[in-house]
Amino acid sequence: MINIPIILYWILSTLILVTSGMIIYHIWVYYLNRTLAIFTIALFLGVSAFLFLANLAIALKVDWNIFGFLIF
């Protein structure tokens, strides 16, 4: 049995990580001050990692078995 909400959650998580990578790239390339760019990237990574890990911890506590969808 394949669970559709879990698949959608992991797709969303992957998109969040890809988007974060794009944001980091643009901060690095378009900032004029490299020291400030490094500080901004570090701040962004810290906050993003905290929010992503909090989301993951909460998602692991959900009883995913209540969604009994089958894909054939």
C-alpha atoms as a PDB file:
ATOM      1  CA  MET A   1       0.000   0.000   0.000  1.00  0.00           C
ATOM      2  CA  ILE A   2       1.358   3.387  -1.016  1.00  0.00           C
ATOM      3  CA  ASN A   3       0.315   6.352   1.067  1.00  0.00           C
ATOM      4  CA  ILE A   4      -0.409   9.466  -0.997  1.00  0.00           C
ATOM      5  CA  PRO A   5      -0.035  12.040   1.849  1.00  0.00           C
ATOM      6  CA  ILE A   6       3.440  10.733   2.707  1.00  0.00           C
ATOM      7  CA  ILE A   7       4.528  10.937  -0.932  1.00  0.00           C
ATOM      8  CA  LEU A   8       3.185  14.482  -1.196  1.00  0.00           C
ATOM      9  CA  TYR A   9       4.931  15.448   2.047  1.00  0.00           C
ATOM     10  CA  TRP A  10       8.301  14.194   0.796  1.00  0.00           C
ATOM     11  CA  ILE A  11       7.818  15.949  -2.549  1.00  0.00           C
ATOM     12  CA  LEU A  12       7.063  19.179  -0.670  1.00  0.00           C
ATOM     13  CA  SER A  13      10.119  18.649   1.547  1.00  0.00           C
ATOM     14  CA  THR A  14      12.312  18.149  -1.516  1.00  0.00           C
ATOM     15  CA  LEU A  15      10.931  21.318  -3.101  1.00  0.00           C
ATOM     16  CA  ILE A  16      11.676  23.257   0.103  1.00  0.00           C
ATOM     17  CA  LEU A  17      15.303  22.054   0.044  1.00  0.00           C
ATOM     18  CA  VAL A  18      15.700  22.903  -3.653  1.00  0.00           C
ATOM     19  CA  THR A  19      14.203  26.353  -3.096  1.00  0.00           C
ATOM     20  CA  SER A  20      16.549  26.936  -0.161  1.00  0.00           C
ATOM     21  CA  GLY A  21      19.475  26.052  -2.391  1.00  0.00           C
ATOM     22  CA  MET A  22      18.288  28.550  -4.986  1.00  0.00           C
ATOM     23  CA  ILE A  23      17.975  31.267  -2.341  1.00  0.00           C
ATOM     24  CA  ILE A  24      21.493  30.566  -1.079  1.00  0.00           C
ATOM     25  CA  TYR A  25      22.843  30.704  -4.625  1.00  0.00           C
ATOM     26  CA  HIS A  26      21.227  34.071  -5.286  1.00  0.00           C
ATOM     27  CA  ILE A  27      22.403  35.522  -1.988  1.00  0.00           C
ATOM     28  CA  TRP A  28      25.973  34.437  -2.779  1.00  0.00           C
ATOM     29  CA  VAL A  29      26.005  35.659  -6.380  1.00  0.00           C
ATOM     30  CA  TYR A  30      24.169  38.994  -6.042  1.00  0.00           C
ATOM     31  CA  TYR A  31      25.411  40.339  -2.694  1.00  0.00           C
ATOM     32  CA  LEU A  32      28.079  42.998  -3.142  1.00  0.00           C
ATOM     33  CA  ASN A  33      29.580  42.536   0.314  1.00  0.00           C
ATOM     34  CA  ARG A  34      30.892  38.941   0.689  1.00  0.00           C
ATOM     35  CA  THR A  35      31.184  39.157   4.487  1.00  0.00           C
ATOM     36  CA  LEU A  36      27.542  40.175   4.773  1.00  0.00           C
ATOM     37  CA  ALA A  37      26.580  37.467   2.268  1.00  0.00           C
ATOM     38  CA  ILE A  38      28.237  34.795   4.426  1.00  0.00           C
ATOM     39  CA  PHE A  39      26.482  36.125   7.521  1.00  0.00           C
ATOM     40  CA  THR A  40      23.125  36.201   5.712  1.00  0.00           C
ATOM     41  CA  ILE A  41      23.577  32.665   4.379  1.00  0.00           C
ATOM     42  CA  ALA A  42      24.514  31.399   7.848  1.00  0.00           C
ATOM     43  CA  LEU A  43      21.460  33.087   9.362  1.00  0.00           C
ATOM     44  CA  PHE A  44      19.207  31.739   6.609  1.00  0.00           C
ATOM     45  CA  LEU A  45      20.584  28.215   6.997  1.00  0.00           C
ATOM     46  CA  GLY A  46      20.180  28.294  10.772  1.00  0.00           C
ATOM     47  CA  VAL A  47      16.573  29.462  10.699  1.00  0.00           C
ATOM     48  CA  SER A  48      15.657  27.214   7.757  1.00  0.00           C
ATOM     49  CA  ALA A  49      17.236  24.154   9.366  1.00  0.00           C
ATOM     50  CA  PHE A  50      15.391  24.796  12.626  1.00  0.00           C
ATOM     51  CA  LEU A  51      12.036  25.210  10.848  1.00  0.00           C
ATOM     52  CA  PHE A  52      12.600  22.197   8.588  1.00  0.00           C
ATOM     53  CA  LEU A  53      13.623  19.924  11.459  1.00  0.00           C
ATOM     54  CA  ALA A  54      10.697  21.123  13.585  1.00  0.00           C
ATOM     55  CA  ASN A  55       8.340  20.377  10.682  1.00  0.00           C
ATOM     56  CA  LEU A  56       9.903  16.930  10.237  1.00  0.00           C
ATOM     57  CA  ALA A  57       9.627  16.156  13.957  1.00  0.00           C
ATOM     58  CA  ILE A  58       5.964  17.123  13.992  1.00  0.00           C
ATOM     59  CA  ALA A  59       5.268  15.147  10.793  1.00  0.00           C
ATOM     60  CA  LEU A  60       6.814  12.023  12.319  1.00  0.00           C
ATOM     61  CA  LYS A  61       4.345  12.238  15.213  1.00  0.00           C
ATOM     62  CA  VAL A  62       1.325  12.119  12.884  1.00  0.00           C
ATOM     63  CA  ASP A  63      -0.441   8.778  12.642  1.00  0.00           C
ATOM     64  CA  TRP A  64      -0.178   8.361   8.886  1.00  0.00           C
ATOM     65  CA  ASN A  65      -2.075   5.060   8.976  1.00  0.00           C
ATOM     66  CA  ILE A  66      -5.411   6.880   9.153  1.00  0.00           C
ATOM     67  CA  PHE A  67      -4.926   7.755   5.470  1.00  0.00           C
ATOM     68  CA  GLY A  68      -5.623   4.406   3.813  1.00  0.00           C
ATOM     69  CA  PHE A  69      -5.315   5.259   0.127  1.00  0.00           C
ATOM     70  CA  LEU A  70      -4.347   2.581  -2.362  1.00  0.00           C
ATOM     71  CA  ILE A  71      -2.682   3.150  -5.725  1.00  0.00           C
ATOM     72  CA  PHE A  72      -3.011   0.368  -8.288  1.00  0.00           C
END
